[in-house]
Amino acid sequence: MAPHSDFPALKAELRKQALARRDGLDPETRRAGGLRIAQSVMRVEALADAAVVGAFWAIRSEVDPLPLIEMLFARGQRVALPKVTPDGLVFREWRAGEALVPGSFGLSEPRDDLPPLDPTALIVPLAAFDRRGHRIGYGRGYYDQAIERLSRNGPVLTIGIAFSVQEVETVPSEPHDQPLDHLITEAGPVPLVRD
């Protein structure tokens, strides 16, 4: 899809609609769905090769990646969580039980004294997605920038996680948008159709 001046407005409307559908899910549906998503993500073969996996701490009605993080720990993998900085996302290692600190946008983030760590796989939050692997985030481009930056070190495996109600027919994509390698919902892996 070619860039278009109305893309920000289109994305904002799709984001609003998808988040309203996600917010409408009851807590038990979200909890059970999050567990199924974690189990599906763990079956992505390439993920087992990542020494450090970038994850995130859920806000609002997002898929809670904590069950997935626990599974990664159990498999012996290290986990890094993002911190929002003026230069974009910086990932810092997080270990089970470590306290997080309040960050921007209502996020819980790792402490500033923890060393930065570049993951080779990212579990990516999103507001909406389509079957081409395109996502709509929360409008600030942090993950697109992080994927681009981390890719300079070598390939980065990207796995978007969401509930199936967040799917939209087409995400308006722009040149800076980074399509995901995998998309997983509570119904399992989403079959992706590449342009």
Protein backbone atom coordinates (compact mmCIF):
# COMPACT_ATOMS: atom_id res chain seq x y z
CA MET A 1 0.00 0.00 0.00
CA ALA A 2 1.48 3.35 -1.04
CA PRO A 3 1.95 6.09 1.55
CA HIS A 4 -1.03 8.38 1.82
CA SER A 5 -1.58 11.62 3.72
CA ASP A 6 -4.61 10.16 5.51
CA PHE A 7 -2.65 7.20 6.92
CA PRO A 8 -2.25 8.64 10.43
CA ALA A 9 -6.02 9.22 10.65
CA LEU A 10 -6.81 5.79 9.20
CA LYS A 11 -4.43 4.11 11.62
CA ALA A 12 -5.85 6.07 14.54
CA GLU A 13 -9.39 4.94 13.70
CA LEU A 14 -8.36 1.29 13.19
CA ARG A 15 -6.40 1.45 16.47
CA LYS A 16 -9.39 2.88 18.33
CA GLN A 17 -11.77 0.20 16.99
CA ALA A 18 -9.38 -2.71 17.65
CA LEU A 19 -8.59 -1.53 21.18
CA ALA A 20 -12.31 -1.17 21.92
CA ARG A 21 -12.83 -4.79 20.84
CA ARG A 22 -9.86 -5.89 22.97
CA ASP A 23 -11.12 -3.89 25.97
CA GLY A 24 -14.48 -5.68 25.56
CA LEU A 25 -12.96 -9.09 26.30
CA ASP A 26 -13.64 -10.26 29.83
CA PRO A 27 -10.62 -10.79 32.11
CA GLU A 28 -10.92 -14.60 32.14
CA THR A 29 -10.99 -14.72 28.32
CA ARG A 30 -7.86 -12.55 28.26
CA ARG A 31 -6.11 -14.69 30.91
CA ALA A 32 -6.90 -18.01 29.19
CA GLY A 33 -6.10 -16.55 25.77
CA GLY A 34 -2.76 -15.22 27.03
CA LEU A 35 -1.80 -18.69 28.23
CA ARG A 36 -2.69 -20.25 24.84
CA ILE A 37 -0.69 -17.50 23.09
CA ALA A 38 2.34 -18.23 25.31
CA GLN A 39 2.16 -21.93 24.49
CA SER A 40 1.97 -21.18 20.74
CA VAL A 41 4.87 -18.72 20.88
CA MET A 42 7.04 -21.33 22.58
CA ARG A 43 6.50 -23.59 19.55
CA VAL A 44 8.14 -21.06 17.18
CA GLU A 45 11.33 -23.02 16.47
CA ALA A 46 13.57 -20.04 15.78
CA LEU A 47 12.71 -18.54 19.17
CA ALA A 48 14.62 -21.33 20.94
CA ASP A 49 17.83 -20.04 19.29
CA ALA A 50 17.54 -16.56 20.83
CA ALA A 51 19.84 -16.10 23.82
CA VAL A 52 18.01 -12.89 24.77
CA VAL A 53 14.32 -12.35 24.11
CA GLY A 54 12.84 -8.87 24.29
CA ALA A 55 9.41 -8.94 25.89
CA PHE A 56 7.19 -6.28 27.47
CA TRP A 57 5.08 -5.70 30.55
CA ALA A 58 1.35 -5.54 29.74
CA ILE A 59 -0.65 -2.35 30.11
CA ARG A 60 -4.42 -1.98 30.02
CA SER A 61 -6.06 -4.95 28.28
CA GLU A 62 -2.97 -6.19 26.39
CA VAL A 63 -2.09 -9.85 26.19
CA ASP A 64 -0.16 -10.51 29.40
CA PRO A 65 3.24 -11.92 28.36
CA LEU A 66 4.16 -12.98 31.91
CA PRO A 67 3.24 -16.68 31.34
CA LEU A 68 5.44 -16.59 28.21
CA ILE A 69 8.30 -14.93 30.12
CA GLU A 70 8.08 -17.66 32.76
CA MET A 71 8.26 -20.32 30.02
CA LEU A 72 11.31 -18.62 28.51
CA PHE A 73 13.01 -18.56 31.93
CA ALA A 74 12.18 -22.25 32.40
CA ARG A 75 13.87 -22.98 29.06
CA GLY A 76 16.99 -21.10 30.20
CA GLN A 77 16.54 -18.01 28.05
CA ARG A 78 17.25 -14.47 29.20
CA VAL A 79 14.57 -11.80 28.96
CA ALA A 80 14.97 -8.07 28.42
CA LEU A 81 12.23 -5.49 28.91
CA PRO A 82 12.04 -2.12 27.15
CA LYS A 83 12.50 1.30 28.66
CA VAL A 84 11.24 4.34 26.76
CA THR A 85 14.03 6.91 26.36
CA PRO A 86 14.35 10.08 24.22
CA ASP A 87 16.39 7.94 21.78
CA GLY A 88 13.79 5.15 21.57
CA LEU A 89 13.50 1.81 23.33
CA VAL A 90 16.43 0.52 25.37
CA PHE A 91 16.16 -3.10 26.51
CA ARG A 92 17.49 -4.13 29.91
CA GLU A 93 17.68 -7.63 31.33
CA TRP A 94 14.91 -8.57 33.74
CA ARG A 95 15.01 -11.51 36.12
CA ALA A 96 12.03 -13.11 37.85
CA GLY A 97 11.03 -11.21 40.96
CA GLU A 98 13.00 -8.04 40.21
CA ALA A 99 11.09 -4.86 40.91
CA LEU A 100 10.08 -2.70 37.98
CA VAL A 101 9.82 1.07 38.11
CA PRO A 102 7.06 3.33 36.73
CA GLY A 103 7.84 4.66 33.26
CA SER A 104 6.23 6.76 30.54
CA PHE A 105 2.70 6.03 29.30
CA GLY A 106 1.82 3.96 32.39
CA LEU A 107 4.51 1.39 31.60
CA SER A 108 6.46 -0.67 34.12
CA GLU A 109 10.12 -0.67 33.15
CA PRO A 110 13.46 -2.12 34.29
CA ARG A 111 15.68 0.01 36.52
CA ASP A 112 18.11 2.44 34.89
CA ASP A 113 21.11 0.84 36.60
CA LEU A 114 20.67 -2.44 34.70
CA PRO A 115 22.94 -2.73 31.63
CA PRO A 116 21.38 -2.41 28.16
CA LEU A 117 21.05 -5.65 26.25
CA ASP A 118 20.16 -6.13 22.57
CA PRO A 119 17.68 -8.98 22.07
CA THR A 120 17.81 -11.14 18.94
CA ALA A 121 14.08 -11.92 19.22
CA LEU A 122 11.24 -9.57 20.14
CA ILE A 123 7.78 -10.29 21.47
CA VAL A 124 5.93 -7.28 20.09
CA PRO A 125 2.78 -5.68 21.51
CA LEU A 126 0.27 -4.18 19.13
CA ALA A 127 -3.11 -2.52 18.85
CA ALA A 128 -4.17 -4.06 15.52
CA PHE A 129 -2.77 -6.36 12.84
CA ASP A 130 -3.50 -7.72 9.38
CA ARG A 131 -2.68 -10.97 7.60
CA ARG A 132 0.33 -9.40 5.86
CA GLY A 133 2.15 -9.19 9.20
CA HIS A 134 1.67 -5.44 9.48
CA ARG A 135 0.78 -3.99 12.85
CA ILE A 136 -0.56 -0.80 14.28
CA GLY A 137 1.15 0.08 17.52
CA TYR A 138 0.24 2.90 19.84
CA GLY A 139 1.28 5.65 17.46
CA ARG A 140 4.80 6.55 18.52
CA GLY A 141 6.84 4.18 16.32
CA TYR A 142 9.00 2.85 19.15
CA TYR A 143 8.94 -0.77 18.02
CA ASP A 144 9.51 0.02 14.33
CA GLN A 145 12.56 2.05 15.36
CA ALA A 146 13.78 -0.66 17.74
CA ILE A 147 13.45 -3.39 15.10
CA GLU A 148 15.32 -1.26 12.59
CA ARG A 149 18.09 -0.48 15.11
CA LEU A 150 18.45 -4.07 16.37
CA SER A 151 18.50 -5.40 12.79
CA ARG A 152 21.78 -3.58 12.21
CA ASN A 153 23.40 -6.25 14.43
CA GLY A 154 21.86 -9.10 12.43
CA PRO A 155 18.43 -10.67 11.91
CA VAL A 156 15.84 -10.05 14.63
CA LEU A 157 12.98 -12.50 15.00
CA THR A 158 9.72 -10.58 15.56
CA ILE A 159 6.63 -12.20 17.03
CA GLY A 160 3.52 -10.09 17.47
CA ILE A 161 1.02 -11.24 20.08
CA ALA A 162 -2.60 -10.13 20.18
CA PHE A 163 -6.14 -11.35 20.59
CA SER A 164 -7.96 -12.35 17.40
CA VAL A 165 -10.46 -9.48 17.86
CA GLN A 166 -7.59 -7.09 17.07
CA GLU A 167 -7.35 -8.23 13.44
CA VAL A 168 -8.25 -5.70 10.77
CA GLU A 169 -8.57 -6.25 7.03
CA THR A 170 -5.65 -4.02 6.01
CA VAL A 171 -3.17 -2.00 8.01
CA PRO A 172 -2.12 1.10 6.06
CA SER A 173 1.63 0.54 5.77
CA GLU A 174 4.33 3.13 5.32
CA PRO A 175 8.00 2.70 4.31
CA HIS A 176 9.24 2.73 7.93
CA ASP A 177 6.76 0.04 9.07
CA GLN A 178 8.40 -3.28 9.87
CA PRO A 179 6.24 -6.36 9.09
CA LEU A 180 6.38 -9.06 11.74
CA ASP A 181 7.84 -12.52 11.16
CA HIS A 182 5.05 -14.20 13.15
CA LEU A 183 1.67 -13.19 14.54
CA ILE A 184 0.08 -15.30 17.24
CA THR A 185 -3.38 -15.04 18.77
CA GLU A 186 -5.28 -17.25 21.19
CA ALA A 187 -6.46 -19.21 18.11
CA GLY A 188 -2.83 -20.03 17.23
CA PRO A 189 -0.39 -18.77 14.58
CA VAL A 190 -1.95 -16.41 12.03
CA PRO A 191 -1.18 -17.57 8.46
CA LEU A 192 0.63 -14.60 6.93
CA VAL A 193 0.29 -13.56 3.31
CA ARG A 194 3.28 -11.55 2.09
CA ASP A 195 2.95 -8.78 -0.52
